[in-house]
């Protein structure tokens, strides 16, 4: 494959964000999964100091912000999404001084830091929950969770028929201190993750305090885990379906996407607005001259909803700033389907004045280089490698399409290297809790969480001086940063070029519309000012007009007497200027 690029803008996020009031409207945000990014002490597990050491790489890649998956103190029953202390760093990742140094260094490199927040549930080792168990029935602490007596003659049946997202019941019965069977508690995920009761005022008070703690530490925003799940339908009614898990994301559920969540986020938004830039902060210290506070801090919602129109409710002007576009992530490599989702997304976000977001991969789904290597319709957790060459070709084209669309884009660590999922991990190394529970998620998320390769050689390909917590395939040596650095046509250099062109092209980034152009079947073509993007999703070359000067291509593009030939599964960018 070949690629052509214009000279990118100077690769410094600092030049872009300075004076940028709404930096989040066109930001490219890079997700770091800390345990799999970089290991500073050779224990096989990534850590905050490892992330800090690689900040120059992220700066040079050209992203605007870094989103860190959870690094809080946790028993790690669900990779840190079971939080035992929201104000502490788990020792496996470092300590609060490491977090402070990472935030400060990121700002020095022109990068903003977004941290994960997990408000739907805590760990069962959270102090409130431990006290709720210890104090027994009637403990006020039990009101901060969903404790209920069971049904049946002896309370032996769960309070309702809800199922866990990870499989099995969403309820676990406790044994009281005297040894007798006791109440049941709700956990929409693993039993080690009891759901908070957001009807209790203490829960809201606690999380408003947690927000301020990290804002005072200097973070630039929060990604809200399970943002759609905090409020449950009154009375916790039975769902009455034996295929509940198949309904997720397709229907309104009594435990997801309830209207009551929006009052919570309106309260949270007032806190973030207190920390907006260029005014006196909460402690009276002026933020003048601190570029990372310009434009304020942001919330990003992980909200699985039945429609993109429902997602738009989370980003109304007085609520959150962004919401992940899961409808786009799950769309097949098909021009017609992609156009429908793009149009619906832009149409839904326009009335609420929020930017669209675009994402192809994250820590919960099969990497798109593998998804696109397989036939459509297999879902977002795929167990087969598929056609590796086809998957990479489509992944590169999909990336250029995503980065050309109006709004903000998310990149998952390693996708800039073209990494596939590791689909053949031995069962004994898997750690996804869903893998060990029947009838839940497929439980194959470990395949997208394998530590990324930095060098061609070494026990863990430069991830650290020791091994890695999940085994890396030998083929990853040639996918490493070292193997692709400064190599024309490599996927890493394609990403760097694309982000540079995106920053240098005024018509890219923020916006709420595209102008569709006539195109052959299976091809997307649109204009944004003097910029044109063409994506060929077919398996054959197509001919399109000569739109101007080529800026960048993901594959072969050739000008002929009849126009421009765009090869199969390829995206091309032009400028008409």
Protein backbone atom coordinates (compact mmCIF):
# COMPACT_ATOMS: atom_id res chain seq x y z
CA UNK A 1 0.00 0.00 0.00
CA UNK A 2 1.06 3.54 -0.48
CA UNK A 3 0.01 6.77 1.05
CA UNK A 4 0.50 10.38 0.09
CA UNK A 5 0.41 13.27 2.49
CA UNK A 6 0.75 16.99 2.58
CA UNK A 7 3.27 18.45 5.00
CA UNK A 8 1.55 18.23 8.39
CA UNK A 9 1.30 21.09 10.81
CA UNK A 10 3.91 21.31 13.57
CA UNK A 11 3.11 18.37 15.79
CA UNK A 12 2.35 20.09 19.05
CA UNK A 13 -1.03 20.02 20.71
CA UNK A 14 -0.06 23.13 22.66
CA UNK A 15 -0.36 25.29 19.55
CA UNK A 16 -3.83 23.94 18.91
CA UNK A 17 -5.37 24.20 22.35
CA UNK A 18 -4.07 27.62 23.31
CA UNK A 19 -7.08 29.92 23.32
CA UNK A 20 -9.38 27.12 22.13
CA UNK A 21 -12.56 27.56 24.15
CA UNK A 22 -14.29 24.33 23.07
CA UNK A 23 -11.28 22.11 22.53
CA UNK A 24 -13.41 19.00 23.00
CA UNK A 25 -15.55 19.66 19.92
CA UNK A 26 -12.87 18.35 17.57
CA UNK A 27 -10.42 16.65 19.92
CA UNK A 28 -8.72 13.38 19.03
CA UNK A 29 -8.61 11.45 22.30
CA UNK A 30 -6.33 8.45 22.81
CA UNK A 31 -7.44 5.70 25.19
CA UNK A 32 -4.70 4.25 27.37
CA UNK A 33 -5.43 0.95 29.08
CA UNK A 34 -2.78 1.41 31.79
CA UNK A 35 -2.03 -2.23 32.54
CA UNK A 36 -1.25 -2.84 28.85
CA UNK A 37 0.51 0.35 27.76
CA UNK A 38 3.96 0.51 29.37
CA UNK A 39 5.56 -1.22 32.37
CA UNK A 40 8.15 0.89 34.23
CA UNK A 41 9.25 -1.63 36.87
CA UNK A 42 9.39 -4.93 34.99
CA UNK A 43 6.63 -6.68 36.93
CA UNK A 44 4.69 -7.48 33.76
CA UNK A 45 1.93 -4.97 34.50
CA UNK A 46 1.68 -1.51 33.00
CA UNK A 47 1.64 1.47 35.37
CA UNK A 48 1.31 5.24 35.56
CA UNK A 49 5.05 5.83 35.43
CA UNK A 50 5.11 3.75 32.26
CA UNK A 51 2.42 5.95 30.73
CA UNK A 52 4.34 9.04 31.79
CA UNK A 53 7.49 7.76 30.07
CA UNK A 54 5.60 7.40 26.79
CA UNK A 55 3.95 10.82 26.74
CA UNK A 56 6.40 12.09 24.06
CA UNK A 57 5.17 9.29 21.79
CA UNK A 58 1.56 10.40 22.25
CA UNK A 59 2.50 14.03 21.70
CA UNK A 60 4.30 13.14 18.47
CA UNK A 61 1.42 10.96 17.33
CA UNK A 62 -0.64 14.15 17.30
CA UNK A 63 -3.51 13.46 19.70
CA UNK A 64 -5.07 16.15 21.88
CA UNK A 65 -5.96 14.26 25.03
CA UNK A 66 -5.36 10.96 26.81
CA UNK A 67 -8.14 8.98 28.45
CA UNK A 68 -6.91 6.63 31.18
CA UNK A 69 -8.92 3.53 32.04
CA UNK A 70 -9.28 2.98 35.82
CA UNK A 71 -6.15 3.00 37.96
CA UNK A 72 -7.92 3.35 41.33
CA UNK A 73 -7.38 1.06 44.33
CA UNK A 74 -9.21 -2.14 43.47
CA UNK A 75 -9.24 -5.90 44.08
CA UNK A 76 -9.19 -6.15 40.25
CA UNK A 77 -12.19 -8.46 39.97
CA UNK A 78 -13.04 -6.59 36.74
CA UNK A 79 -9.78 -4.96 35.69
CA UNK A 80 -10.22 -2.01 38.04
CA UNK A 81 -13.87 -1.30 37.27
CA UNK A 82 -14.53 -2.56 40.80
CA UNK A 83 -13.27 0.43 42.80
CA UNK A 84 -12.41 0.11 46.50
CA UNK A 85 -11.13 3.69 46.93
CA UNK A 86 -11.86 6.43 44.39
CA UNK A 87 -9.25 8.73 45.90
CA UNK A 88 -6.31 6.34 45.81
CA UNK A 89 -4.15 4.74 43.12
CA UNK A 90 -3.85 0.97 43.18
CA UNK A 91 -0.28 -0.01 44.15
CA UNK A 92 -0.01 -2.07 40.95
CA UNK A 93 -0.15 1.24 39.04
CA UNK A 94 1.77 3.47 41.46
CA UNK A 95 0.51 6.10 43.89
CA UNK A 96 -1.05 9.55 43.98
CA UNK A 97 2.34 11.22 43.45
CA UNK A 98 2.68 9.25 40.21
CA UNK A 99 -0.77 10.41 39.13
CA UNK A 100 0.14 14.01 39.93
CA UNK A 101 3.40 13.75 37.96
CA UNK A 102 1.60 12.18 35.01
CA UNK A 103 -1.01 14.95 34.88
CA UNK A 104 1.63 17.68 35.15
CA UNK A 105 3.90 16.13 32.52
CA UNK A 106 0.99 15.60 30.15
CA UNK A 107 0.20 19.30 30.34
CA UNK A 108 3.84 20.14 29.67
CA UNK A 109 3.60 18.01 26.52
CA UNK A 110 0.44 19.76 25.38
CA UNK A 111 -1.85 16.87 26.29
CA UNK A 112 -5.00 16.87 28.40
CA UNK A 113 -5.84 14.02 30.80
CA UNK A 114 -9.28 12.41 31.10
CA UNK A 115 -9.79 9.80 33.83
CA UNK A 116 -12.37 7.05 34.12
CA UNK A 117 -15.10 7.43 36.73
CA UNK A 118 -17.17 4.41 37.82
CA UNK A 119 -20.36 5.66 39.53
CA UNK A 120 -22.79 2.82 38.82
CA UNK A 121 -21.18 0.39 41.25
CA UNK A 122 -18.32 0.01 43.68
CA UNK A 123 -16.18 -2.91 44.71
CA UNK A 124 -17.55 -5.20 47.39
CA UNK A 125 -14.41 -4.10 49.27
CA UNK A 126 -15.58 -0.47 49.30
CA UNK A 127 -15.86 0.70 52.91
CA UNK A 128 -19.60 1.39 52.67
CA UNK A 129 -20.37 -2.10 51.43
CA UNK A 130 -18.14 -3.84 53.96
CA UNK A 131 -19.85 -1.92 56.79
CA UNK A 132 -23.28 -2.68 55.31
CA UNK A 133 -22.52 -6.39 55.57
CA UNK A 134 -20.94 -6.15 59.02
CA UNK A 135 -23.76 -4.10 60.55
CA UNK A 136 -26.42 -6.56 59.43
CA UNK A 137 -30.07 -6.09 58.42
CA UNK A 138 -31.35 -2.59 58.99
CA UNK A 139 -27.93 -0.98 58.58
CA UNK A 140 -28.30 2.53 57.08
CA UNK A 141 -25.37 1.65 54.81
CA UNK A 142 -27.48 -0.96 53.05
CA UNK A 143 -29.73 1.84 51.82
CA UNK A 144 -26.79 3.12 49.75
CA UNK A 145 -26.96 -0.07 47.69
CA UNK A 146 -29.88 -2.18 46.50
CA UNK A 147 -30.41 -4.69 49.30
CA UNK A 148 -33.73 -6.54 49.15
CA UNK A 149 -35.36 -9.53 50.83
CA UNK A 150 -35.75 -12.49 48.53
CA UNK A 151 -38.96 -13.96 47.19
CA UNK A 152 -40.28 -17.40 48.05
CA UNK A 153 -41.27 -18.95 51.34
CA UNK A 154 -37.82 -18.53 52.85
CA UNK A 155 -36.49 -15.70 50.68
CA UNK A 156 -34.60 -18.22 48.58
CA UNK A 157 -35.47 -16.56 45.25
CA UNK A 158 -33.94 -13.31 43.95
CA UNK A 159 -36.02 -10.12 44.27
CA UNK A 160 -36.60 -9.91 40.50
CA UNK A 161 -35.62 -11.60 37.25
CA UNK A 162 -32.82 -9.27 36.15
CA UNK A 163 -29.71 -10.84 34.66
CA UNK A 164 -26.11 -9.71 35.02
CA UNK A 165 -24.42 -8.27 31.97
CA UNK A 166 -21.66 -10.78 32.68
CA UNK A 167 -24.13 -13.68 32.77
CA UNK A 168 -26.21 -15.32 35.46
CA UNK A 169 -28.38 -13.56 38.00
CA UNK A 170 -27.98 -9.87 38.78
CA UNK A 171 -28.52 -10.69 42.46
CA UNK A 172 -26.37 -12.40 45.10
CA UNK A 173 -27.64 -13.56 48.47
CA UNK A 174 -25.44 -12.81 51.45
CA UNK A 175 -24.84 -14.88 54.54
CA UNK A 176 -25.35 -12.81 57.67
CA UNK A 177 -22.75 -12.82 60.44
CA UNK A 178 -24.78 -15.35 62.43
CA UNK A 179 -24.56 -17.77 59.53
CA UNK A 180 -28.17 -17.46 58.37
CA UNK A 181 -29.14 -16.75 54.74
CA UNK A 182 -29.80 -13.04 54.44
CA UNK A 183 -30.80 -10.36 51.98
CA UNK A 184 -29.93 -10.14 48.32
CA UNK A 185 -27.97 -7.29 46.69
CA UNK A 186 -28.06 -6.08 43.09
CA UNK A 187 -25.04 -6.21 40.80
CA UNK A 188 -25.59 -5.60 37.10
CA UNK A 189 -22.04 -6.79 36.49
CA UNK A 190 -19.92 -9.14 38.63
CA UNK A 191 -20.99 -10.08 42.19
CA UNK A 192 -17.92 -8.14 43.36
CA UNK A 193 -19.51 -4.97 41.88
CA UNK A 194 -22.62 -4.05 43.92
CA UNK A 195 -24.73 -1.30 42.34
CA UNK A 196 -25.10 1.99 44.20
CA UNK A 197 -28.59 3.25 45.04
CA UNK A 198 -28.55 6.72 43.51
CA UNK A 199 -31.84 7.58 45.22
CA UNK A 200 -29.85 7.90 48.45
CA UNK A 201 -28.44 11.43 48.89
CA UNK A 202 -25.14 10.20 50.38
CA UNK A 203 -24.23 8.59 47.05
CA UNK A 204 -24.56 11.88 45.19
CA UNK A 205 -22.65 13.71 47.91
CA UNK A 206 -19.79 11.22 47.71
CA UNK A 207 -19.39 11.45 43.96
CA UNK A 208 -19.53 15.23 43.89
CA UNK A 209 -16.66 15.13 46.39
CA UNK A 210 -14.78 12.63 44.22
CA UNK A 211 -15.18 14.89 41.19
CA UNK A 212 -13.69 17.82 43.07
CA UNK A 213 -10.81 15.70 44.35
CA UNK A 214 -9.62 14.84 40.84
CA UNK A 215 -10.42 18.25 39.40
CA UNK A 216 -8.22 19.78 42.08
CA UNK A 217 -5.53 17.28 41.03
CA UNK A 218 -5.70 18.88 37.58
CA UNK A 219 -7.55 16.36 35.42
CA UNK A 220 -9.26 17.75 32.34
CA UNK A 221 -12.33 15.56 32.34
CA UNK A 222 -14.03 12.28 33.15
CA UNK A 223 -15.20 9.35 31.08
CA UNK A 224 -18.29 8.08 32.91
CA UNK A 225 -18.54 4.31 32.97
CA UNK A 226 -22.06 2.90 32.54
CA UNK A 227 -23.42 6.45 32.43
CA UNK A 228 -26.81 5.06 31.43
CA UNK A 229 -27.13 2.76 34.44
CA UNK A 230 -27.18 4.86 37.60
CA UNK A 231 -30.96 5.10 38.01
CA UNK A 232 -33.20 2.03 38.12
CA UNK A 233 -36.93 1.97 37.43
CA UNK A 234 -39.04 2.52 40.53
CA UNK A 235 -39.82 -0.73 42.30
CA UNK A 236 -37.19 -2.68 40.33
CA UNK A 237 -39.85 -4.39 38.18
CA UNK A 238 -39.37 -7.77 36.52
CA UNK A 239 -38.34 -7.59 32.90
CA UNK A 240 -40.14 -10.78 32.00
CA UNK A 241 -37.82 -11.84 29.18
CA UNK A 242 -35.59 -14.87 28.98
CA UNK A 243 -33.35 -13.17 26.40
CA UNK A 244 -32.52 -10.02 28.35
CA UNK A 245 -28.90 -9.89 27.24
CA UNK A 246 -29.94 -9.91 23.59
CA UNK A 247 -32.02 -6.81 24.24
CA UNK A 248 -29.13 -4.74 25.57
CA UNK A 249 -28.54 -1.69 23.42
CA UNK A 250 -31.73 -2.39 21.47
CA UNK A 251 -34.50 -1.69 23.94
CA UNK A 252 -35.22 0.46 27.00
CA UNK A 253 -34.47 -1.61 30.08
CA UNK A 254 -35.65 -0.96 33.67
CA UNK A 255 -32.01 -0.72 34.77
CA UNK A 256 -30.58 1.27 31.84
CA UNK A 257 -31.24 4.66 30.22
CA UNK A 258 -33.81 5.80 32.76
CA UNK A 259 -34.71 9.48 32.52
CA UNK A 260 -33.65 10.10 36.12
CA UNK A 261 -29.95 9.95 35.24
CA UNK A 262 -30.16 13.37 33.63
CA UNK A 263 -30.82 15.21 36.90
CA UNK A 264 -27.55 13.74 38.23
CA UNK A 265 -25.57 15.00 35.27
CA UNK A 266 -27.08 18.46 35.44
CA UNK A 267 -25.76 18.67 39.01
CA UNK A 268 -22.35 17.44 37.92
CA UNK A 269 -22.18 19.94 35.09
CA UNK A 270 -22.42 22.84 37.53
CA UNK A 271 -19.28 21.53 39.25
CA UNK A 272 -17.30 21.36 36.03
CA UNK A 273 -18.46 24.82 35.08
CA UNK A 274 -16.91 26.11 38.31
CA UNK A 275 -13.56 24.93 36.99
CA UNK A 276 -13.83 26.65 33.61
CA UNK A 277 -10.70 28.48 32.50
CA UNK A 278 -9.79 32.14 32.73
CA UNK A 279 -11.61 32.86 35.96
CA UNK A 280 -11.07 32.39 39.67
CA UNK A 281 -10.99 28.70 40.53
CA UNK A 282 -12.67 27.08 43.54
CA UNK A 283 -9.77 28.01 45.80
CA UNK A 284 -9.44 31.51 44.45
CA UNK A 285 -6.39 30.82 42.29
CA UNK A 286 -6.53 32.30 38.83
CA UNK A 287 -6.16 29.92 35.90
CA UNK A 288 -4.96 32.69 33.61
CA UNK A 289 -2.05 31.42 31.54
CA UNK A 290 -2.72 27.74 32.29
CA UNK A 291 -3.60 26.61 28.76
CA UNK A 292 -5.02 23.23 29.86
CA UNK A 293 -7.79 24.99 31.78
CA UNK A 294 -8.80 27.00 28.74
CA UNK A 295 -12.16 25.78 27.54
CA UNK A 296 -12.96 24.02 30.80
CA UNK A 297 -13.17 20.36 31.75
CA UNK A 298 -15.41 17.78 30.11
CA UNK A 299 -17.60 14.74 30.73
CA UNK A 300 -17.75 11.86 28.25
CA UNK A 301 -20.59 9.38 28.62
CA UNK A 302 -20.35 5.66 28.05
CA UNK A 303 -24.07 5.35 27.39
CA UNK A 304 -25.38 2.28 25.59
CA UNK A 305 -28.82 3.36 24.40
CA UNK A 306 -31.30 1.91 21.90
CA UNK A 307 -30.81 4.79 19.45
CA UNK A 308 -28.43 7.63 18.77
CA UNK A 309 -31.37 9.94 19.42
CA UNK A 310 -31.53 8.64 22.99
CA UNK A 311 -27.78 9.14 23.29
CA UNK A 312 -28.28 12.81 22.40
CA UNK A 313 -30.22 13.29 25.64
CA UNK A 314 -26.97 12.89 27.57
CA UNK A 315 -25.25 15.79 25.81
CA UNK A 316 -27.86 18.52 26.09
CA UNK A 317 -26.30 21.92 26.83
CA UNK A 318 -26.58 21.65 30.63
CA UNK A 319 -25.46 18.01 30.92
CA UNK A 320 -22.47 16.12 29.53
CA UNK A 321 -20.18 17.22 26.69
CA UNK A 322 -19.73 14.06 24.66
CA UNK A 323 -21.17 10.54 24.42
CA UNK A 324 -19.59 7.57 22.72
CA UNK A 325 -21.18 6.65 19.41
CA UNK A 326 -21.57 2.90 19.83
CA UNK A 327 -23.94 2.71 16.87
CA UNK A 328 -21.06 3.79 14.64
CA UNK A 329 -18.61 1.36 16.24
CA UNK A 330 -20.90 -1.59 15.56
CA UNK A 331 -21.67 -0.66 11.94
CA UNK A 332 -20.49 -3.07 9.24
CA UNK A 333 -17.96 -2.11 6.56
CA UNK A 334 -20.71 -1.09 4.15
CA UNK A 335 -21.13 2.31 2.53
CA UNK A 336 -24.91 2.39 2.77
CA UNK A 337 -24.99 1.38 6.43
CA UNK A 338 -22.21 3.82 7.31
CA UNK A 339 -23.97 6.71 5.61
CA UNK A 340 -27.19 6.02 7.51
CA UNK A 341 -25.38 6.02 10.86
CA UNK A 342 -23.37 9.14 9.99
CA UNK A 343 -26.49 11.05 8.97
CA UNK A 344 -28.47 9.91 12.01
CA UNK A 345 -25.63 10.84 14.32
CA UNK A 346 -25.19 14.33 12.93
CA UNK A 347 -28.96 14.88 12.84
CA UNK A 348 -29.32 13.79 16.48
CA UNK A 349 -26.46 15.91 17.82
CA UNK A 350 -27.27 19.08 15.89
CA UNK A 351 -30.38 20.10 17.90
CA UNK A 352 -28.56 19.79 21.24
CA UNK A 353 -25.44 21.56 19.98
CA UNK A 354 -23.12 18.68 20.90
CA UNK A 355 -20.30 17.31 18.77
CA UNK A 356 -20.62 13.89 17.22
CA UNK A 357 -18.05 11.36 18.38
CA UNK A 358 -16.57 8.55 16.31
CA UNK A 359 -14.84 5.43 17.60
CA UNK A 360 -13.79 2.13 16.04
CA UNK A 361 -12.18 0.22 18.93
CA UNK A 362 -11.91 0.20 22.73
CA UNK A 363 -11.04 -2.13 25.61
CA UNK A 364 -14.41 -3.92 25.49
CA UNK A 365 -14.68 -4.88 21.82
CA UNK A 366 -12.69 -6.75 19.21
CA UNK A 367 -10.18 -4.45 17.52
CA UNK A 368 -11.49 -3.20 14.21
CA UNK A 369 -8.57 -4.66 12.28
CA UNK A 370 -10.00 -8.06 13.26
CA UNK A 371 -13.70 -7.12 13.10
CA UNK A 372 -13.29 -6.01 9.50
CA UNK A 373 -11.27 -9.14 8.71
CA UNK A 374 -14.38 -11.24 9.34
CA UNK A 375 -17.83 -11.41 7.73
CA UNK A 376 -20.37 -8.91 9.09
CA UNK A 377 -22.94 -9.93 11.66
CA UNK A 378 -20.58 -11.57 14.17
CA UNK A 379 -20.98 -8.81 16.77
CA UNK A 380 -18.26 -6.88 18.57
CA UNK A 381 -16.51 -9.84 20.23
CA UNK A 382 -15.10 -12.13 17.55
CA UNK A 383 -13.18 -15.34 18.13
CA UNK A 384 -11.63 -15.83 14.69
CA UNK A 385 -8.68 -14.04 13.13
CA UNK A 386 -10.25 -13.77 9.68
CA UNK A 387 -8.37 -12.40 6.70
CA UNK A 388 -5.60 -10.36 8.34
CA UNK A 389 -4.57 -8.46 5.19
CA UNK A 390 -8.18 -7.57 4.36
CA UNK A 391 -8.85 -6.50 7.94
CA UNK A 392 -5.85 -4.17 8.04
CA UNK A 393 -6.68 -2.64 4.67
CA UNK A 394 -10.23 -1.91 5.78
CA UNK A 395 -9.10 -0.70 9.21
CA UNK A 396 -6.77 1.87 7.64
CA UNK A 397 -9.52 3.09 5.33
CA UNK A 398 -12.02 3.22 8.20
CA UNK A 399 -9.62 5.33 10.24
CA UNK A 400 -9.28 7.98 7.54
CA UNK A 401 -13.06 8.05 7.14
CA UNK A 402 -13.53 8.48 10.90
CA UNK A 403 -10.98 11.29 11.14
CA UNK A 404 -12.66 13.13 8.25
CA UNK A 405 -16.08 13.26 9.91
CA UNK A 406 -17.28 16.33 11.87
CA UNK A 407 -16.66 16.19 15.59
CA UNK A 408 -14.34 14.35 17.94
CA UNK A 409 -12.60 11.00 17.43
CA UNK A 410 -11.30 8.32 19.79
CA UNK A 411 -8.28 6.09 19.20
CA UNK A 412 -7.66 2.95 21.24
CA UNK A 413 -4.05 2.22 22.10
CA UNK A 414 -2.33 0.05 19.51
CA UNK A 415 -4.78 0.62 16.70
CA UNK A 416 -2.26 3.06 15.25
CA UNK A 417 0.00 0.02 14.88
CA UNK A 418 -2.69 -1.97 13.09
CA UNK A 419 -2.83 -4.47 15.94
CA UNK A 420 -5.32 -7.31 15.55
CA UNK A 421 -7.11 -9.01 18.41
CA UNK A 422 -5.29 -11.96 19.91
CA UNK A 423 -7.93 -14.61 19.34
CA UNK A 424 -5.96 -17.67 20.48
CA UNK A 425 -5.12 -16.80 24.09
CA UNK A 426 -4.87 -19.93 26.26
CA UNK A 427 -7.86 -20.32 28.54
CA UNK A 428 -5.64 -20.39 31.62
CA UNK A 429 -4.41 -16.80 31.07
CA UNK A 430 -7.79 -15.19 30.51
CA UNK A 431 -8.97 -12.69 33.12
CA UNK A 432 -12.21 -11.27 31.71
CA UNK A 433 -14.80 -12.01 34.44
CA UNK A 434 -17.47 -12.57 31.78
CA UNK A 435 -15.45 -15.52 30.48
CA UNK A 436 -16.07 -17.40 33.71
CA UNK A 437 -19.82 -16.80 33.90
CA UNK A 438 -22.33 -18.55 31.69
CA UNK A 439 -24.75 -16.90 29.28
CA UNK A 440 -23.20 -13.46 29.59
CA UNK A 441 -20.91 -11.48 27.37
CA UNK A 442 -18.69 -13.73 25.30
CA UNK A 443 -15.88 -12.97 27.72
CA UNK A 444 -13.21 -12.59 25.08
CA UNK A 445 -12.25 -8.99 25.84
CA UNK A 446 -8.74 -10.06 26.87
CA UNK A 447 -7.89 -10.31 23.17
CA UNK A 448 -7.95 -6.53 22.74
CA UNK A 449 -6.14 -5.91 26.04
CA UNK A 450 -2.83 -7.65 25.28
CA UNK A 451 0.09 -5.27 26.04
CA UNK A 452 1.22 -3.34 22.99
CA UNK A 453 4.68 -3.82 21.41
CA UNK A 454 7.23 -1.01 21.39
CA UNK A 455 10.34 -2.77 20.08
CA UNK A 456 11.19 -5.65 17.75
CA UNK A 457 13.01 -7.59 20.45
CA UNK A 458 12.89 -8.17 24.17
CA UNK A 459 10.89 -10.42 26.41
CA UNK A 460 7.79 -8.25 26.05
CA UNK A 461 8.72 -6.27 22.92
CA UNK A 462 9.61 -3.18 24.93
CA UNK A 463 6.46 -3.17 27.05
CA UNK A 464 8.76 -3.61 30.04
CA UNK A 465 11.95 -5.31 31.13
CA UNK A 466 10.02 -8.39 32.29
CA UNK A 467 7.20 -10.32 30.71
CA UNK A 468 3.62 -9.19 30.19
CA UNK A 469 0.44 -10.07 32.05
CA UNK A 470 -1.08 -11.44 28.83
CA UNK A 471 1.15 -13.19 26.25
CA UNK A 472 1.99 -11.29 23.07
CA UNK A 473 2.15 -13.10 19.71
CA UNK A 474 5.60 -13.35 18.04
CA UNK A 475 4.14 -11.61 14.96
CA UNK A 476 3.84 -8.42 16.98
CA UNK A 477 7.57 -7.78 16.68
CA UNK A 478 7.02 -6.43 13.16
CA UNK A 479 3.98 -4.45 14.28
CA UNK A 480 5.93 -2.65 17.01
CA UNK A 481 6.53 1.07 17.15
CA UNK A 482 10.21 0.46 16.38
CA UNK A 483 9.36 -1.58 13.27
CA UNK A 484 6.98 1.07 11.89
CA UNK A 485 8.67 4.29 12.99
CA UNK A 486 9.57 6.48 9.98
CA UNK A 487 8.63 3.69 7.55
CA UNK A 488 6.64 5.15 4.63
CA UNK A 489 3.31 3.40 4.23
CA UNK A 490 3.27 1.91 7.74
CA UNK A 491 0.06 2.16 9.73
CA UNK A 492 1.79 4.22 12.42
CA UNK A 493 2.96 6.78 9.88
CA UNK A 494 -0.52 6.82 8.31
CA UNK A 495 -1.99 7.81 11.68
CA UNK A 496 0.66 10.46 12.26
CA UNK A 497 0.11 11.91 8.81
CA UNK A 498 -3.66 11.84 9.17
CA UNK A 499 -3.60 13.63 12.51
CA UNK A 500 -1.17 16.20 11.15
CA UNK A 501 -3.30 16.86 8.07
CA UNK A 502 -6.43 17.00 10.22
CA UNK A 503 -4.88 19.67 12.43
CA UNK A 504 -3.61 21.67 9.45
CA UNK A 505 -6.88 21.58 7.48
CA UNK A 506 -9.39 24.22 8.60
CA UNK A 507 -12.36 22.33 7.14
CA UNK A 508 -11.71 19.27 9.29
CA UNK A 509 -12.52 18.82 12.97
CA UNK A 510 -15.51 20.56 14.50
CA UNK A 511 -18.76 20.80 12.55
CA UNK A 512 -22.19 19.26 12.29
CA UNK A 513 -22.71 18.39 8.61
CA UNK A 514 -21.21 16.90 5.49
CA UNK A 515 -22.21 17.53 1.87
CA UNK A 516 -22.63 14.16 0.18
CA UNK A 517 -21.35 13.84 -3.38
CA UNK A 518 -22.52 11.47 -6.13
CA UNK A 519 -20.56 8.22 -5.91
CA UNK A 520 -20.62 4.68 -7.30
CA UNK A 521 -22.44 1.99 -5.35
CA UNK A 522 -20.45 0.95 -2.28
CA UNK A 523 -18.62 4.28 -2.13
CA UNK A 524 -18.97 7.21 0.27
CA UNK A 525 -17.99 10.65 -0.99
CA UNK A 526 -18.50 13.93 0.83
CA UNK A 527 -17.24 17.49 0.89
CA UNK A 528 -16.45 19.72 3.84
CA UNK A 529 -15.56 23.13 2.44
CA UNK A 530 -12.44 22.67 0.32
CA UNK A 531 -11.88 19.13 1.67
CA UNK A 532 -13.17 15.96 -0.01
CA UNK A 533 -13.18 12.41 1.38
CA UNK A 534 -13.90 9.29 -0.67
CA UNK A 535 -14.16 5.82 0.91
CA UNK A 536 -14.44 2.72 -1.26
CA UNK A 537 -15.93 -0.10 0.85
CA UNK A 538 -16.06 -2.54 -2.05
CA UNK A 539 -13.60 -5.25 -2.96
CA UNK A 540 -12.83 -3.75 -6.36
CA UNK A 541 -11.30 -0.51 -7.69
CA UNK A 542 -13.70 2.32 -8.48
CA UNK A 543 -13.35 5.46 -10.57
CA UNK A 544 -14.28 8.86 -9.16
CA UNK A 545 -13.58 12.40 -10.39
CA UNK A 546 -10.29 14.19 -9.82
CA UNK A 547 -11.23 16.40 -6.89
CA UNK A 548 -8.00 18.34 -6.62
CA UNK A 549 -4.71 17.69 -4.87
CA UNK A 550 -4.38 14.44 -2.95
CA UNK A 551 -3.69 15.00 0.75
CA UNK A 552 -3.55 11.43 2.03
CA UNK A 553 -4.65 7.92 1.07
CA UNK A 554 -4.88 4.66 2.96
CA UNK A 555 -4.10 2.59 -0.15
CA UNK A 556 -3.40 2.90 -3.87
CA UNK A 557 -5.00 5.84 -5.69
CA UNK A 558 -4.14 6.53 -9.32
CA UNK A 559 -5.14 9.38 -11.59
CA UNK A 560 -6.15 8.27 -15.10
CA UNK A 561 -7.59 9.91 -18.18
CA UNK A 562 -11.08 8.99 -16.96
CA UNK A 563 -10.68 10.25 -13.40
CA UNK A 564 -9.18 8.82 -10.24
CA UNK A 565 -9.01 5.10 -9.52
CA UNK A 566 -9.44 4.31 -5.83
CA UNK A 567 -8.42 0.76 -4.99
CA UNK A 568 -10.54 -1.69 -2.99
CA UNK A 569 -11.18 -0.83 0.67
CA UNK A 570 -9.39 2.50 0.46
CA UNK A 571 -10.04 6.04 1.64
CA UNK A 572 -8.58 9.12 -0.03
CA UNK A 573 -8.46 12.74 1.06
CA UNK A 574 -8.25 15.71 -1.35
CA UNK A 575 -8.13 19.46 -1.11
CA UNK A 576 -9.84 21.49 -3.81
CA UNK A 577 -7.96 24.65 -2.84
